[in-house]
């Protein structure tokens, strides 16, 4: 009987040793925005001005930038709020 109790205690003791703490690794996901190189320009095509006037009545253009793909990054002010709008050369507003 003593051997049975002793063997049961050893078996239960060895099972409890395997139940250790689990380590949860915190993974940090880092995202990198790849942005095309934009260069500042003085003027934008008339199609862009017309499209912005239609989309945002009372818009004021602050700065305009263009990249190699002829996509424009335009900083505007509408009703006192600054925003950035991306368009193509024909005035279509892009979602970025």
Protein backbone atom coordinates (compact mmCIF):
# COMPACT_ATOMS: atom_id res chain seq x y z
CA UNK A 1 0.00 0.00 0.00
CA UNK A 2 2.84 2.36 0.85
CA UNK A 3 4.39 1.69 -2.54
CA UNK A 4 1.10 2.50 -4.27
CA UNK A 5 0.78 5.84 -2.45
CA UNK A 6 4.45 6.65 -3.11
CA UNK A 7 4.18 5.85 -6.82
CA UNK A 8 0.97 7.91 -7.10
CA UNK A 9 2.71 10.87 -5.42
CA UNK A 10 5.65 10.59 -7.84
CA UNK A 11 3.37 10.41 -10.88
CA UNK A 12 1.28 13.38 -9.72
CA UNK A 13 4.41 15.33 -8.87
CA UNK A 14 5.91 14.75 -12.30
CA UNK A 15 2.68 15.83 -14.01
CA UNK A 16 2.58 19.09 -12.07
CA UNK A 17 6.14 19.88 -13.07
CA UNK A 18 5.20 19.90 -16.75
CA UNK A 19 2.56 22.56 -16.21
CA UNK A 20 4.85 25.54 -16.28
CA UNK A 21 4.25 29.18 -17.05
CA UNK A 22 3.58 29.96 -20.64
CA UNK A 23 5.53 32.81 -22.09
CA UNK A 24 3.52 35.15 -24.28
CA UNK A 25 5.70 37.01 -26.71
CA UNK A 26 4.53 40.52 -27.49
CA UNK A 27 5.07 41.07 -31.15
CA UNK A 28 5.34 44.60 -32.38
CA UNK A 29 4.12 45.11 -35.90
CA UNK A 30 5.93 47.92 -37.59
CA UNK A 31 4.58 49.32 -40.80
CA UNK A 32 6.57 51.37 -43.22
CA UNK A 33 4.82 53.74 -45.56
CA UNK A 34 6.42 53.80 -48.94
CA UNK A 35 5.85 57.21 -50.36
CA UNK A 36 6.71 58.33 -53.83
CA UNK A 37 9.03 61.29 -54.03
CA UNK A 38 6.99 64.42 -54.51
CA UNK A 39 8.53 67.65 -55.75
CA UNK A 40 6.91 71.01 -55.14
CA UNK A 41 5.43 72.76 -58.17
CA UNK A 42 4.18 76.31 -58.60
CA UNK A 43 1.09 75.61 -60.70
CA UNK A 44 -1.32 72.74 -61.26
CA UNK A 45 -3.25 71.91 -64.45
CA UNK A 46 -6.62 73.59 -64.97
CA UNK A 47 -8.39 70.22 -64.80
CA UNK A 48 -7.22 69.77 -61.21
CA UNK A 49 -8.35 73.27 -60.21
CA UNK A 50 -11.77 72.63 -61.74
CA UNK A 51 -12.12 69.24 -60.04
CA UNK A 52 -11.17 70.70 -56.65
CA UNK A 53 -13.60 73.61 -57.06
CA UNK A 54 -16.40 71.15 -57.87
CA UNK A 55 -15.55 68.77 -55.01
CA UNK A 56 -14.76 71.42 -52.39
CA UNK A 57 -16.55 74.75 -52.90
CA UNK A 58 -14.48 77.65 -51.61
CA UNK A 59 -11.20 75.70 -51.73
CA UNK A 60 -7.88 77.50 -51.43
CA UNK A 61 -4.72 75.80 -52.73
CA UNK A 62 -1.75 76.14 -50.37
CA UNK A 63 0.98 73.95 -51.89
CA UNK A 64 1.17 71.44 -54.71
CA UNK A 65 3.58 68.57 -55.28
CA UNK A 66 3.98 66.14 -58.18
CA UNK A 67 5.73 62.76 -58.48
CA UNK A 68 7.10 60.78 -61.42
CA UNK A 69 3.72 59.16 -62.09
CA UNK A 70 2.16 62.63 -62.56
CA UNK A 71 0.15 62.23 -59.36
CA UNK A 72 -0.40 65.46 -57.47
CA UNK A 73 -0.35 65.92 -53.70
CA UNK A 74 -2.20 69.12 -52.98
CA UNK A 75 -2.48 70.84 -49.62
CA UNK A 76 -5.74 72.77 -49.45
CA UNK A 77 -7.76 74.84 -47.00
CA UNK A 78 -11.54 74.42 -46.96
CA UNK A 79 -13.56 76.48 -44.47
CA UNK A 80 -10.49 77.05 -42.32
CA UNK A 81 -9.44 73.38 -42.17
CA UNK A 82 -6.24 72.13 -43.77
CA UNK A 83 -6.36 68.91 -45.78
CA UNK A 84 -4.27 66.97 -48.25
CA UNK A 85 -5.78 65.71 -51.49
CA UNK A 86 -4.18 63.38 -54.05
CA UNK A 87 -5.18 63.69 -57.70
CA UNK A 88 -3.95 62.56 -61.08
CA UNK A 89 -3.12 64.92 -63.93
CA UNK A 90 -6.69 64.85 -65.30
CA UNK A 91 -8.23 65.90 -61.96
CA UNK A 92 -9.47 62.54 -60.69
CA UNK A 93 -9.22 62.41 -56.89
CA UNK A 94 -7.17 59.43 -55.69
CA UNK A 95 -7.64 57.60 -52.40
CA UNK A 96 -4.41 57.10 -50.50
